Amino acid sequence: MDNYIVSARKYRPDSFDMVVGQDSITQTLRNSIKINQLAQAYLFCGPRGVGKTTCARIFAKTINCSNLNENYEACNECESCVAFNKLRSLNIHELDAASNNSVEDIRNLIDQVRIPPQLGSFSVYIIDEVHMLSSAAFNAFLKTLEEPPKHVIFILATTEKHKIIPTILSRCQIFDFNRISVEDIRSRLEYVAEQEGISADQDALHIIAQKADGAMRDALSIFDQIVSFSGKNITYDNTIHNLNVLDYDTYFKITKAFISGDYKTALLIFDDVLKRGFEAGYFISGLASHFRDLLICKDPGTVDLLEVGKKIKMEYLENSKICSVSFLFKAIDIANKTDFNYKLSQNKRLLIEIALLNICDIENKTLSNQSDSLLNNVKTEIPEKVENIKSQKDETKIIEETKSINTIAEQLPQTKEKESSNSVEKLNSESESKSFVKNFSIKDLAKDTNISTAGKSEESKSEYNNFGLDDFDKEKFEYVWTKYAESLRGNPRLYHFLTSHLPQEETKTKYTITVDSQAIKNKLDSFLMDTLKFMRQNLNNKEFELEYIVGENDNKKKFKTDEEKLQDMIQINPEIKKFKDQLNLDFE
């Protein structure tokens, strides 16, 4: 039986053109050979399996080649190239710093560099894993690295650049190798499969490329593993089974369950994932990535960010149509927070199941918000009917008119969105109608109708002619002001400002509020017409005025702390203090 050579060695690049994913570095090295501008020391750093040592060997072979081609690549025919290819070159020396990291090893190296090359122009010393050298060895190496003999070039390679002392870094030309992209790895694997006579699925090669995490050597090792499992025909199903990778179909199925709010199916799919031997943390991190991939498929400008095969890409594009952008934003946030808290949780399965239930509930919450919005629209469409209801004093007639309102609501134009249509049906159902009558008095509905006109910048004075000149006391004013603030809960900043700032009386009908800056005043002034309209209507006084003034504000509502509340209780009943002392209670 012939000796088997793993793909990582068999298809190791022997020229700059064959190096995958490091075009800028190979071009720089090739140009330095072209113009004969070679440094005395190079530092190649980057992740594992991206071509650091490979490029060092190609560079060493090329600078000793006596017959470079027009692209400044080694000829592979001269005596130096042949000796290198047969691993018997005396001009290129490789040293593993992980096992030769002492001062004595470096001293032996320093003695060796004095010997000139027997063949070719340069003696090249490739020191791999150079960060493993001890501090003393680094210091012993400094002088030789800075001023080596003319025939010597050092190439240092490391995966941990931060562990190398600055004095070494300053003496080297530094090349940072990048992780190889999924597409570049897939293309290289396709070439290897073609050379070996292997039929490989594109989606399977993408899975291997993603599993390699940017390392070409890892990808070739996984490729050999799959070939051993599948033979000459590599399929997507065999690949995910052998690599224990969760298939895309699982994520597509659970996404459809999320959209429909089917939490039972979502929980059963998750249970099936656990029974198949997958870790729960792996599932939730994959789910977050799945939502991310669906999101980038929502816009043609970001589709290229999706690193999957053509078949899977079409499925992503199709499934992204059923997901709204707002749903994906919220789902990514939930999945990412769950993934972050996974290691801290004592009950990991329950943590993820709660996350799945929350994702299932996203569309229901959105539908509820749309129903609330539709209710406000219904109020806006029927102001004339509400005015007629206001004049009625008999409660029986009020209920009859309310039913008439629901009839008008049914005749309103249907919205384009399916969810909004469902909301109308829910709103017009008998149970919702009864709840509407129960929770809203018709008089309140008539008043609130005028609140929904926010957004108009100008109001005609003639609109206030129907308001009276009723007197109002402080108690009535505070009640109406609080009611106005409550109507703006949908705007949290404005709501909290109005509830914590009570207008101060200047005259009988004019009130002022002091704000901290002109910017706040400008913001509040944009709502002033709506505020005046509400207050004048509910106070029934068309002369009511409100003004925002910039200055120091001493009129904010002050809320008592728990300690202050306790002191007030003790003043009313001193026995409370004795009870506190007996039980040794404290706020801490």
Protein backbone atom coordinates (compact mmCIF):
# COMPACT_ATOMS: atom_id res chain seq x y z
CA MET A 1 0.00 0.00 0.00
CA ASP A 2 1.36 3.42 -0.97
CA ASN A 3 2.28 5.82 1.80
CA TYR A 4 -0.65 8.18 2.37
CA ILE A 5 0.07 11.93 2.56
CA VAL A 6 -2.49 14.18 4.22
CA SER A 7 -3.94 16.92 2.05
CA ALA A 8 -2.47 19.69 4.22
CA ARG A 9 1.03 18.49 3.24
CA LYS A 10 0.29 17.18 -0.22
CA TYR A 11 -1.31 20.44 -1.38
CA ARG A 12 0.92 22.79 0.57
CA PRO A 13 1.68 25.79 -1.72
CA ASP A 14 5.15 25.82 -3.29
CA SER A 15 4.85 29.24 -4.95
CA PHE A 16 3.44 32.65 -4.07
CA ASP A 17 0.63 32.18 -6.62
CA MET A 18 -0.64 29.13 -4.77
CA VAL A 19 -0.93 30.85 -1.37
CA VAL A 20 -4.58 31.35 -0.45
CA GLY A 21 -6.00 34.56 0.99
CA GLN A 22 -2.74 36.50 1.62
CA ASP A 23 -2.39 38.42 -1.64
CA SER A 24 -1.02 41.65 -0.14
CA ILE A 25 1.74 39.82 1.75
CA THR A 26 2.84 37.63 -1.15
CA GLN A 27 2.89 40.64 -3.48
CA THR A 28 5.07 42.60 -1.01
CA LEU A 29 7.55 39.74 -0.66
CA ARG A 30 7.68 39.26 -4.42
CA ASN A 31 8.34 42.97 -4.99
CA SER A 32 11.13 43.00 -2.42
CA ILE A 33 12.83 40.21 -4.41
CA LYS A 34 12.23 42.08 -7.67
CA ILE A 35 13.94 45.29 -6.50
CA ASN A 36 16.53 43.39 -4.42
CA GLN A 37 15.47 45.10 -1.19
CA LEU A 38 15.62 42.33 1.39
CA ALA A 39 15.47 42.97 5.14
CA GLN A 40 17.72 41.13 7.58
CA ALA A 41 14.74 39.95 9.69
CA TYR A 42 11.03 39.33 9.09
CA LEU A 43 8.26 38.56 11.57
CA PHE A 44 5.25 36.62 10.27
CA CYS A 45 2.38 36.66 12.77
CA GLY A 46 -1.26 35.59 12.63
CA PRO A 47 -3.68 32.75 13.51
CA ARG A 48 -2.85 29.10 13.04
CA GLY A 49 -2.98 27.49 9.62
CA VAL A 50 -3.04 30.67 7.50
CA GLY A 51 0.32 30.22 5.72
CA LYS A 52 3.04 31.82 7.87
CA THR A 53 5.57 28.99 7.70
CA THR A 54 4.56 28.19 4.12
CA CYS A 55 5.30 31.75 2.98
CA ALA A 56 8.60 31.68 4.88
CA ARG A 57 9.67 28.54 3.00
CA ILE A 58 8.56 29.88 -0.39
CA PHE A 59 10.42 33.14 0.27
CA ALA A 60 13.57 31.28 1.34
CA LYS A 61 13.47 29.07 -1.77
CA THR A 62 12.80 32.00 -4.11
CA ILE A 63 15.67 34.25 -2.94
CA ASN A 64 18.13 31.35 -3.51
CA CYS A 65 16.76 30.39 -6.92
CA SER A 66 19.30 31.04 -9.70
CA ASN A 67 16.73 31.13 -12.50
CA LEU A 68 13.67 33.19 -11.45
CA ASN A 69 10.82 33.37 -13.94
CA GLU A 70 9.19 36.58 -15.17
CA ASN A 71 6.82 36.66 -12.15
CA TYR A 72 9.79 36.34 -9.79
CA GLU A 73 8.78 32.84 -8.73
CA ALA A 74 11.22 29.99 -8.13
CA CYS A 75 11.89 27.84 -11.20
CA ASN A 76 11.85 24.50 -9.32
CA GLU A 77 14.52 23.27 -11.77
CA CYS A 78 17.83 24.76 -10.61
CA GLU A 79 20.06 22.90 -8.17
CA SER A 80 18.97 25.05 -5.20
CA CYS A 81 15.25 24.54 -5.90
CA VAL A 82 15.66 20.80 -6.43
CA ALA A 83 17.58 20.50 -3.16
CA PHE A 84 14.86 22.43 -1.34
CA ASN A 85 12.02 20.35 -2.84
CA LYS A 86 13.79 17.15 -1.79
CA LEU A 87 14.27 18.50 1.76
CA ARG A 88 18.09 18.36 1.59
CA SER A 89 18.90 22.06 1.20
CA LEU A 90 21.75 23.27 3.42
CA ASN A 91 20.81 26.92 2.93
CA ILE A 92 17.47 26.81 4.73
CA HIS A 93 17.33 25.99 8.43
CA GLU A 94 14.17 25.55 10.49
CA LEU A 95 14.21 25.85 14.28
CA ASP A 96 11.32 25.07 16.60
CA ALA A 97 11.53 27.64 19.38
CA ALA A 98 9.04 25.69 21.49
CA SER A 99 11.62 22.97 22.14
CA ASN A 100 14.78 25.05 21.63
CA ASN A 101 14.06 28.06 23.79
CA SER A 102 17.06 28.34 26.10
CA VAL A 103 20.03 30.71 26.00
CA GLU A 104 22.31 27.82 25.04
CA ASP A 105 20.17 27.04 21.98
CA ILE A 106 20.39 30.66 20.81
CA ARG A 107 24.17 30.69 21.32
CA ASN A 108 24.49 27.60 19.13
CA LEU A 109 22.39 29.38 16.51
CA ILE A 110 24.64 32.47 16.68
CA ASP A 111 27.73 30.28 16.13
CA GLN A 112 26.01 28.58 13.17
CA VAL A 113 25.08 31.80 11.30
CA ARG A 114 28.75 32.61 10.75
CA ILE A 115 29.02 29.78 8.20
CA PRO A 116 28.38 31.07 4.64
CA PRO A 117 25.93 29.21 2.33
CA GLN A 118 27.33 26.34 0.29
CA LEU A 119 24.78 26.80 -2.50
CA GLY A 120 22.86 29.95 -3.37
CA SER A 121 23.13 33.47 -2.01
CA PHE A 122 21.54 33.36 1.45
CA SER A 123 21.32 31.23 4.53
CA VAL A 124 17.72 31.55 5.78
CA TYR A 125 16.84 30.70 9.38
CA ILE A 126 13.11 30.09 9.99
CA ILE A 127 12.32 30.16 13.71
CA ASP A 128 8.79 28.89 14.34
CA GLU A 129 6.77 29.70 17.49
CA VAL A 130 9.35 32.34 18.36
CA HIS A 131 7.23 33.67 21.24
CA MET A 132 8.23 30.55 23.22
CA LEU A 133 11.81 31.80 23.66
CA SER A 134 12.73 32.76 27.21
CA SER A 135 13.50 36.37 28.12
CA ALA A 136 17.18 35.54 28.45
CA ALA A 137 17.17 33.87 25.01
CA PHE A 138 15.51 36.92 23.48
CA ASN A 139 18.13 39.21 24.95
CA ALA A 140 20.96 36.95 23.76
CA PHE A 141 19.46 37.05 20.25
CA LEU A 142 19.12 40.86 19.99
CA LYS A 143 22.58 41.77 18.70
CA THR A 144 22.73 39.05 16.06
CA LEU A 145 19.19 39.86 14.89
CA GLU A 146 20.05 43.54 14.50
CA GLU A 147 23.38 43.06 12.67
CA PRO A 148 23.57 39.55 11.16
CA PRO A 149 26.14 38.57 8.50
CA LYS A 150 25.25 39.74 4.98
CA HIS A 151 24.40 36.24 3.86
CA VAL A 152 21.88 35.61 6.68
CA ILE A 153 18.12 36.34 6.77
CA PHE A 154 15.96 35.52 9.77
CA ILE A 155 12.24 34.75 9.40
CA LEU A 156 10.39 34.53 12.72
CA ALA A 157 6.88 33.06 12.87
CA THR A 158 4.41 33.27 15.76
CA THR A 159 0.73 33.05 16.62
CA GLU A 160 1.10 35.33 19.66
CA LYS A 161 2.74 38.56 18.62
CA HIS A 162 1.95 40.25 21.95
CA LYS A 163 4.36 37.92 23.78
CA ILE A 164 7.39 39.10 21.83
CA ILE A 165 9.44 41.84 23.49
CA PRO A 166 9.44 45.27 21.79
CA THR A 167 13.18 45.23 21.14
CA ILE A 168 12.71 42.19 18.89
CA LEU A 169 9.71 43.73 17.12
CA SER A 170 11.65 46.91 16.32
CA ARG A 171 14.32 44.91 14.48
CA CYS A 172 11.91 43.10 12.13
CA GLN A 173 9.66 43.82 9.21
CA ILE A 174 6.26 42.71 10.51
CA PHE A 175 3.69 40.95 8.31
CA ASP A 176 0.24 40.31 9.82
CA PHE A 177 -1.49 37.32 8.24
CA ASN A 178 -5.30 37.39 8.13
CA ARG A 179 -7.83 34.63 8.60
CA ILE A 180 -8.77 33.15 5.25
CA SER A 181 -12.32 33.88 4.09
CA VAL A 182 -14.92 31.12 3.81
CA GLU A 183 -15.19 31.60 0.05
CA ASP A 184 -11.42 31.32 -0.46
CA ILE A 185 -11.29 28.13 1.61
CA ARG A 186 -14.26 26.67 -0.27
CA SER A 187 -12.60 27.43 -3.60
CA ARG A 188 -9.36 25.75 -2.50
CA LEU A 189 -11.24 22.68 -1.24
CA GLU A 190 -13.04 22.47 -4.56
CA TYR A 191 -9.65 22.44 -6.31
CA VAL A 192 -8.35 19.69 -4.02
CA ALA A 193 -11.51 17.61 -4.54
CA GLU A 194 -11.14 17.95 -8.30
CA GLN A 195 -7.50 16.84 -8.16
CA GLU A 196 -8.43 13.81 -6.05
CA GLY A 197 -11.41 12.84 -8.23
CA ILE A 198 -13.91 13.47 -5.43
CA SER A 199 -17.48 14.68 -5.98
CA ALA A 200 -18.25 17.34 -3.36
CA ASP A 201 -21.46 19.23 -2.62
CA GLN A 202 -21.02 23.02 -2.58
CA ASP A 203 -23.01 23.32 0.66
CA ALA A 204 -20.84 20.61 2.23
CA LEU A 205 -17.65 22.49 1.33
CA HIS A 206 -19.15 25.66 2.84
CA ILE A 207 -19.82 23.80 6.10
CA ILE A 208 -16.20 22.60 6.18
CA ALA A 209 -14.94 26.12 5.45
CA GLN A 210 -17.05 27.61 8.26
CA LYS A 211 -15.91 24.90 10.68
CA ALA A 212 -12.25 25.67 9.87
CA ASP A 213 -12.64 29.22 11.27
CA GLY A 214 -10.29 30.84 8.77
CA ALA A 215 -7.51 28.23 8.89
CA MET A 216 -6.66 26.50 5.59
CA ARG A 217 -4.78 23.69 7.31
CA ASP A 218 -7.78 22.91 9.54
CA ALA A 219 -10.07 22.90 6.50
CA LEU A 220 -7.89 20.36 4.68
CA SER A 221 -7.74 18.17 7.79
CA ILE A 222 -11.55 18.23 8.08
CA PHE A 223 -11.79 17.51 4.36
CA ASP A 224 -9.68 14.36 4.80
CA GLN A 225 -11.89 13.33 7.71
CA ILE A 226 -15.07 13.67 5.63
CA VAL A 227 -13.50 11.76 2.73
CA SER A 228 -12.71 8.89 5.13
CA PHE A 229 -16.36 8.89 6.22
CA SER A 230 -18.13 9.46 2.88
CA GLY A 231 -15.70 8.08 0.33
CA LYS A 232 -15.53 9.74 -3.06
CA ASN A 233 -18.92 11.45 -2.73
CA ILE A 234 -19.12 14.23 -0.11
CA THR A 235 -22.73 15.25 0.59
CA TYR A 236 -24.24 17.92 2.82
CA ASP A 237 -26.04 15.37 5.03
CA ASN A 238 -22.91 13.26 5.57
CA THR A 239 -20.87 16.36 6.38
CA ILE A 240 -23.18 17.75 9.07
CA HIS A 241 -23.61 14.26 10.53
CA ASN A 242 -19.88 13.61 10.76
CA LEU A 243 -19.00 17.08 12.08
CA ASN A 244 -21.97 17.11 14.49
CA VAL A 245 -23.22 20.37 13.00
CA LEU A 246 -26.85 21.44 13.49
CA ASP A 247 -28.51 21.59 10.06
CA TYR A 248 -30.12 24.74 8.63
CA ASP A 249 -33.55 23.08 8.33
CA THR A 250 -33.86 22.95 12.12
CA TYR A 251 -33.43 26.71 12.36
CA PHE A 252 -35.82 27.35 9.47
CA LYS A 253 -38.51 25.20 11.11
CA ILE A 254 -38.21 26.85 14.51
CA THR A 255 -38.29 30.32 12.89
CA LYS A 256 -41.64 29.50 11.29
CA ALA A 257 -42.91 28.41 14.70
CA PHE A 258 -41.77 31.74 16.16
CA ILE A 259 -43.58 33.75 13.50
CA SER A 260 -46.84 31.86 14.03
CA GLY A 261 -46.51 32.04 17.84
CA ASP A 262 -46.50 28.22 18.07
CA TYR A 263 -44.50 27.85 21.28
CA LYS A 264 -45.33 24.13 21.56
CA THR A 265 -43.57 23.33 18.27
CA ALA A 266 -40.62 25.55 19.22
CA LEU A 267 -40.13 23.71 22.52
CA LEU A 268 -40.45 20.30 20.83
CA ILE A 269 -37.83 21.25 18.22
CA PHE A 270 -35.46 22.35 20.98
CA ASP A 271 -36.07 19.07 22.83
CA ASP A 272 -35.27 17.13 19.66
CA VAL A 273 -32.01 19.08 19.30
CA LEU A 274 -30.99 18.06 22.82
CA LYS A 275 -31.91 14.41 22.17
CA ARG A 276 -29.66 14.43 19.10
CA GLY A 277 -26.73 15.22 21.38
CA PHE A 278 -26.24 18.92 20.70
CA GLU A 279 -25.34 21.23 23.56
CA ALA A 280 -27.97 23.84 24.44
CA GLY A 281 -25.40 26.65 24.37
CA TYR A 282 -24.37 25.66 20.85
CA PHE A 283 -28.03 25.77 19.78
CA ILE A 284 -28.74 29.27 21.14
CA SER A 285 -25.55 30.77 19.68
CA GLY A 286 -26.42 29.20 16.34
CA LEU A 287 -29.94 30.62 16.59
CA ALA A 288 -28.57 34.14 17.09
CA SER A 289 -26.37 33.69 14.01
CA HIS A 290 -29.37 32.36 12.09
CA PHE A 291 -31.42 35.49 12.89
CA ARG A 292 -28.45 37.60 11.82
CA ASP A 293 -28.30 35.80 8.47
CA LEU A 294 -32.05 36.32 7.96
CA LEU A 295 -31.65 40.02 8.74
CA ILE A 296 -28.90 40.62 6.18
CA CYS A 297 -31.11 38.91 3.58
CA LYS A 298 -33.76 41.62 4.05
CA ASP A 299 -31.72 44.14 2.04
CA PRO A 300 -30.06 43.45 -1.34
CA GLY A 301 -27.05 45.53 -0.28
CA THR A 302 -26.13 43.14 2.56
CA VAL A 303 -26.89 39.76 0.96
CA ASP A 304 -23.21 39.32 0.06
CA LEU A 305 -22.43 39.10 3.79
CA LEU A 306 -24.14 35.69 3.84
CA GLU A 307 -21.41 33.01 3.71
CA VAL A 308 -23.33 29.87 2.69
CA GLY A 309 -23.77 27.76 -0.41
CA LYS A 310 -26.09 28.75 -3.27
CA LYS A 311 -28.87 26.34 -2.30
CA ILE A 312 -28.89 27.41 1.36
CA LYS A 313 -28.67 31.05 0.28
CA MET A 314 -31.90 30.71 -1.72
CA GLU A 315 -33.61 29.20 1.33
CA TYR A 316 -32.46 32.12 3.48
CA LEU A 317 -33.79 34.61 0.95
CA GLU A 318 -37.14 32.80 0.86
CA ASN A 319 -37.49 32.48 4.64
CA SER A 320 -36.47 36.09 5.29
CA LYS A 321 -39.67 37.21 3.55
CA ILE A 322 -41.85 35.92 6.39
CA CYS A 323 -39.84 37.79 9.07
CA SER A 324 -40.20 41.50 9.71
CA VAL A 325 -37.12 43.57 10.48
CA SER A 326 -38.49 44.55 13.90
CA PHE A 327 -39.03 40.86 14.76
CA LEU A 328 -35.44 40.00 13.79
CA PHE A 329 -34.03 42.92 15.81
CA LYS A 330 -35.84 41.76 18.95
CA ALA A 331 -35.11 38.06 18.34
CA ILE A 332 -31.36 38.71 17.90
CA ASP A 333 -31.33 40.72 21.13
CA ILE A 334 -33.09 37.96 23.10
CA ALA A 335 -30.90 35.18 21.68
CA ASN A 336 -27.69 37.14 22.24
CA LYS A 337 -28.55 37.98 25.88
CA THR A 338 -29.44 34.33 26.52
CA ASP A 339 -26.13 33.20 25.02
CA PHE A 340 -24.31 35.71 27.26
CA ASN A 341 -26.09 34.48 30.43
CA TYR A 342 -25.83 30.78 29.54
CA LYS A 343 -22.69 30.00 31.52
CA LEU A 344 -24.01 31.84 34.59
CA SER A 345 -27.34 30.01 34.69
CA GLN A 346 -27.99 27.12 37.08
CA ASN A 347 -30.89 25.79 34.99
CA LYS A 348 -29.57 26.17 31.45
CA ARG A 349 -32.41 24.39 29.70
CA LEU A 350 -35.06 26.54 31.38
CA LEU A 351 -33.09 29.68 30.48
CA ILE A 352 -33.21 28.82 26.78
CA GLU A 353 -36.84 27.69 26.89
CA ILE A 354 -37.81 31.06 28.40
CA ALA A 355 -35.92 32.76 25.59
CA LEU A 356 -37.84 30.68 23.02
CA LEU A 357 -41.15 31.64 24.65
CA ASN A 358 -40.19 35.32 24.58
CA ILE A 359 -39.32 35.10 20.89
CA CYS A 360 -42.67 33.40 20.19
CA ASP A 361 -44.41 36.30 21.95
CA ILE A 362 -42.77 39.04 19.83
CA GLU A 363 -45.41 38.95 17.09
CA ASN A 364 -48.26 38.86 19.64
CA LYS A 365 -46.95 42.02 21.33
CA THR A 366 -46.61 43.70 17.95
CA LEU A 367 -50.21 42.76 17.13
CA SER A 368 -51.38 44.16 20.47
CA ASN A 369 -49.62 47.46 19.80
CA GLN A 370 -51.26 47.63 16.37
CA SER A 371 -54.66 47.07 18.01
CA ASP A 372 -54.05 49.99 20.37
CA SER A 373 -53.04 52.15 17.44
CA LEU A 374 -56.17 51.12 15.56
CA LEU A 375 -58.32 52.06 18.55
CA ASN A 376 -56.87 55.55 18.50
CA ASN A 377 -57.61 55.76 14.77
CA VAL A 378 -61.21 54.75 15.41
CA LYS A 379 -61.52 57.55 17.99
CA THR A 380 -60.21 60.04 15.48
CA GLU A 381 -62.61 58.97 12.72
CA ILE A 382 -65.79 59.54 14.74
CA PRO A 383 -65.55 62.96 16.45
CA GLU A 384 -68.97 64.09 15.19
CA LYS A 385 -70.65 61.01 16.57
CA VAL A 386 -68.97 61.51 19.91
CA GLU A 387 -70.22 65.12 20.10
CA ASN A 388 -73.78 63.84 19.72
CA ILE A 389 -73.20 61.34 22.50
CA LYS A 390 -71.98 64.09 24.84
CA SER A 391 -75.38 65.77 24.73
CA GLN A 392 -77.15 62.62 25.89
CA LYS A 393 -77.82 62.26 29.61
CA ASP A 394 -79.65 58.97 29.60
CA GLU A 395 -77.27 56.02 30.20
CA THR A 396 -79.36 53.71 28.05
CA LYS A 397 -78.99 56.03 25.06
CA ILE A 398 -75.24 56.21 25.68
CA ILE A 399 -74.93 52.43 25.33
CA GLU A 400 -77.04 52.47 22.17
CA GLU A 401 -74.89 55.21 20.65
CA THR A 402 -71.76 53.24 21.56
CA LYS A 403 -73.04 50.30 19.55
CA SER A 404 -73.58 52.71 16.69
CA ILE A 405 -69.91 53.74 17.00
CA ASN A 406 -68.87 50.12 16.58
CA THR A 407 -70.99 49.96 13.41
CA ILE A 408 -69.13 52.96 12.02
CA ALA A 409 -65.81 51.33 12.94
CA GLU A 410 -66.78 48.27 10.90
CA GLN A 411 -67.33 50.47 7.85
CA LEU A 412 -63.87 52.09 8.07
CA PRO A 413 -61.45 51.24 5.17
CA GLN A 414 -59.51 48.07 5.71
CA THR A 415 -55.74 48.45 6.15
CA LYS A 416 -53.27 46.86 3.80
CA GLU A 417 -51.48 44.98 6.53
CA LYS A 418 -52.91 41.58 7.45
CA GLU A 419 -52.11 42.06 11.13
CA SER A 420 -54.06 45.33 11.21
CA SER A 421 -57.01 43.56 9.57
CA ASN A 422 -56.94 40.93 12.30
CA SER A 423 -56.81 43.71 14.88
CA VAL A 424 -60.01 45.28 13.44
CA GLU A 425 -61.79 41.94 13.74
CA LYS A 426 -60.69 41.61 17.36
CA LEU A 427 -61.75 45.17 18.12
CA ASN A 428 -65.19 44.67 16.61
CA SER A 429 -65.86 41.38 18.40
CA GLU A 430 -68.63 41.33 20.98
CA SER A 431 -66.34 40.80 23.96
CA GLU A 432 -64.11 43.72 22.98
CA SER A 433 -67.17 45.96 22.50
CA LYS A 434 -68.39 45.19 26.00
CA SER A 435 -64.94 45.82 27.42
CA PHE A 436 -64.86 49.15 25.55
CA VAL A 437 -68.13 50.26 27.14
CA LYS A 438 -67.07 49.04 30.56
CA ASN A 439 -63.64 50.68 30.71
CA PHE A 440 -64.43 53.96 28.89
CA SER A 441 -67.11 56.39 29.81
CA ILE A 442 -68.42 58.17 26.75
CA LYS A 443 -67.54 61.55 28.19
CA ASP A 444 -63.92 60.48 28.60
CA LEU A 445 -63.94 59.19 25.05
CA ALA A 446 -65.16 62.53 23.81
CA LYS A 447 -62.38 64.35 25.64
CA ASP A 448 -59.68 61.91 24.61
CA THR A 449 -60.67 62.22 20.97
CA ASN A 450 -59.16 65.68 20.91
CA ILE A 451 -55.86 64.43 22.36
CA SER A 452 -55.15 62.33 19.27
CA THR A 453 -54.76 65.42 17.10
CA ALA A 454 -51.08 65.84 18.14
CA GLY A 455 -48.79 66.90 15.35
CA LYS A 456 -50.57 70.01 14.14
CA SER A 457 -48.35 73.05 14.54
CA GLU A 458 -51.07 75.76 14.31
CA GLU A 459 -54.56 75.97 15.75
CA SER A 460 -57.19 78.50 14.79
CA LYS A 461 -58.58 80.62 17.64
CA SER A 462 -62.06 79.88 16.35
CA GLU A 463 -61.71 76.32 17.65
CA TYR A 464 -61.88 77.63 21.21
CA ASN A 465 -65.11 79.61 20.73
CA ASN A 466 -67.14 76.66 21.97
CA PHE A 467 -65.27 76.65 25.31
CA GLY A 468 -66.68 78.57 28.26
CA LEU A 469 -65.15 80.75 30.99
CA ASP A 470 -65.62 78.46 33.98
CA ASP A 471 -63.69 79.16 37.17
CA PHE A 472 -61.40 76.40 38.41
CA ASP A 473 -59.58 75.82 41.69
CA LYS A 474 -56.19 74.29 42.36
CA GLU A 475 -57.62 70.82 42.97
CA LYS A 476 -59.47 70.76 39.64
CA PHE A 477 -56.43 72.14 37.80
CA GLU A 478 -54.10 69.47 39.23
CA TYR A 479 -56.62 66.76 38.33
CA VAL A 480 -56.83 67.91 34.69
CA TRP A 481 -53.04 68.35 34.46
CA THR A 482 -52.44 64.82 35.77
CA LYS A 483 -54.99 63.48 33.31
CA TYR A 484 -53.17 65.20 30.45
CA ALA A 485 -49.85 63.73 31.55
CA GLU A 486 -51.40 60.24 31.71
CA SER A 487 -52.60 60.59 28.12
CA LEU A 488 -48.95 60.93 27.02
CA ARG A 489 -47.58 57.69 28.47
CA GLY A 490 -46.63 56.70 24.94
CA ASN A 491 -43.96 59.43 25.06
CA PRO A 492 -41.95 58.43 28.19
CA ARG A 493 -39.73 61.53 28.33
CA LEU A 494 -42.61 63.98 28.01
CA TYR A 495 -44.75 61.94 30.42
CA HIS A 496 -42.10 61.89 33.17
CA PHE A 497 -41.41 65.59 32.70
CA LEU A 498 -45.08 66.60 33.05
CA THR A 499 -45.66 64.36 36.07
CA SER A 500 -42.64 65.82 37.89
CA HIS A 501 -43.30 69.52 36.99
CA LEU A 502 -46.50 71.18 38.18
CA PRO A 503 -47.28 74.59 36.61
CA GLN A 504 -47.18 77.59 38.96
CA GLU A 505 -50.04 80.10 39.02
CA GLU A 506 -49.12 83.58 37.75
CA THR A 507 -52.63 84.98 37.34
CA LYS A 508 -56.07 83.44 37.62
CA THR A 509 -55.81 81.87 34.15
CA LYS A 510 -52.08 82.01 33.36
CA TYR A 511 -49.62 79.34 34.53
CA THR A 512 -45.87 78.92 33.96
CA ILE A 513 -43.35 76.06 34.11
CA THR A 514 -39.63 76.75 34.64
CA VAL A 515 -37.29 74.56 32.56
CA ASP A 516 -33.52 74.11 32.73
CA SER A 517 -32.53 74.97 29.16
CA GLN A 518 -33.68 76.56 25.90
CA ALA A 519 -33.51 73.15 24.17
CA ILE A 520 -36.08 71.71 26.59
CA LYS A 521 -38.27 74.80 26.13
CA ASN A 522 -38.17 74.42 22.34
CA LYS A 523 -39.17 70.77 22.61
CA LEU A 524 -42.09 71.53 24.93
CA ASP A 525 -43.22 74.48 22.80
CA SER A 526 -43.74 72.07 19.91
CA PHE A 527 -46.49 70.39 22.01
CA LEU A 528 -47.87 73.65 23.44
CA MET A 529 -50.89 73.99 21.11
CA ASP A 530 -52.03 70.45 21.94
CA THR A 531 -51.52 71.09 25.65
CA LEU A 532 -53.55 74.32 25.57
CA LYS A 533 -56.35 72.69 23.64
CA PHE A 534 -56.65 69.84 26.13
CA MET A 535 -56.48 72.08 29.20
CA ARG A 536 -58.95 74.68 27.85
CA GLN A 537 -61.42 72.01 26.87
CA ASN A 538 -61.28 70.06 30.14
CA LEU A 539 -61.24 73.21 32.31
CA ASN A 540 -63.91 74.72 30.04
CA ASN A 541 -61.99 78.00 30.04
CA LYS A 542 -60.84 79.41 26.71
CA GLU A 543 -58.64 82.04 28.40
CA PHE A 544 -56.30 79.52 30.04
CA GLU A 545 -52.64 80.24 29.16
CA LEU A 546 -49.44 78.23 29.73
CA GLU A 547 -45.86 79.39 29.20
CA TYR A 548 -42.47 77.65 29.54
CA ILE A 549 -39.69 79.82 31.05
CA VAL A 550 -35.95 79.08 31.06
CA GLY A 551 -34.39 79.42 34.52
CA GLU A 552 -33.61 77.64 37.77
CA ASN A 553 -36.41 75.29 38.66
CA ASP A 554 -37.35 74.94 42.32
CA ASN A 555 -40.85 73.61 41.72
CA LYS A 556 -40.15 69.97 40.88
CA LYS A 557 -42.20 67.47 42.83
CA LYS A 558 -40.11 66.08 45.66
CA PHE A 559 -40.49 62.39 46.50
CA LYS A 560 -39.66 61.16 49.99
CA THR A 561 -37.13 58.43 50.61
CA ASP A 562 -38.00 55.31 52.60
CA GLU A 563 -36.19 56.71 55.64
CA GLU A 564 -38.20 59.93 55.47
CA LYS A 565 -41.44 57.98 55.18
CA LEU A 566 -40.48 55.95 58.26
CA GLN A 567 -39.81 59.12 60.27
CA ASP A 568 -43.25 60.45 59.31
CA MET A 569 -44.84 57.20 60.51
CA ILE A 570 -42.92 57.37 63.81
CA GLN A 571 -44.15 60.92 64.41
CA ILE A 572 -47.72 59.69 63.99
CA ASN A 573 -47.21 56.54 66.07
CA PRO A 574 -44.05 56.32 68.32
CA GLU A 575 -44.73 52.60 68.89
CA ILE A 576 -43.45 51.90 65.40
CA LYS A 577 -39.90 52.88 66.46
CA LYS A 578 -40.03 50.42 69.39
CA PHE A 579 -41.23 47.69 67.04
CA LYS A 580 -38.37 48.48 64.61
CA ASP A 581 -35.75 48.37 67.39
CA GLN A 582 -37.08 45.09 68.82
CA LEU A 583 -36.85 43.34 65.45
CA ASN A 584 -33.49 45.01 64.67
CA LEU A 585 -34.77 46.14 61.26
CA ASP A 586 -32.65 48.17 58.90
CA PHE A 587 -32.94 49.43 55.34
CA GLU A 588 -29.79 47.57 54.27
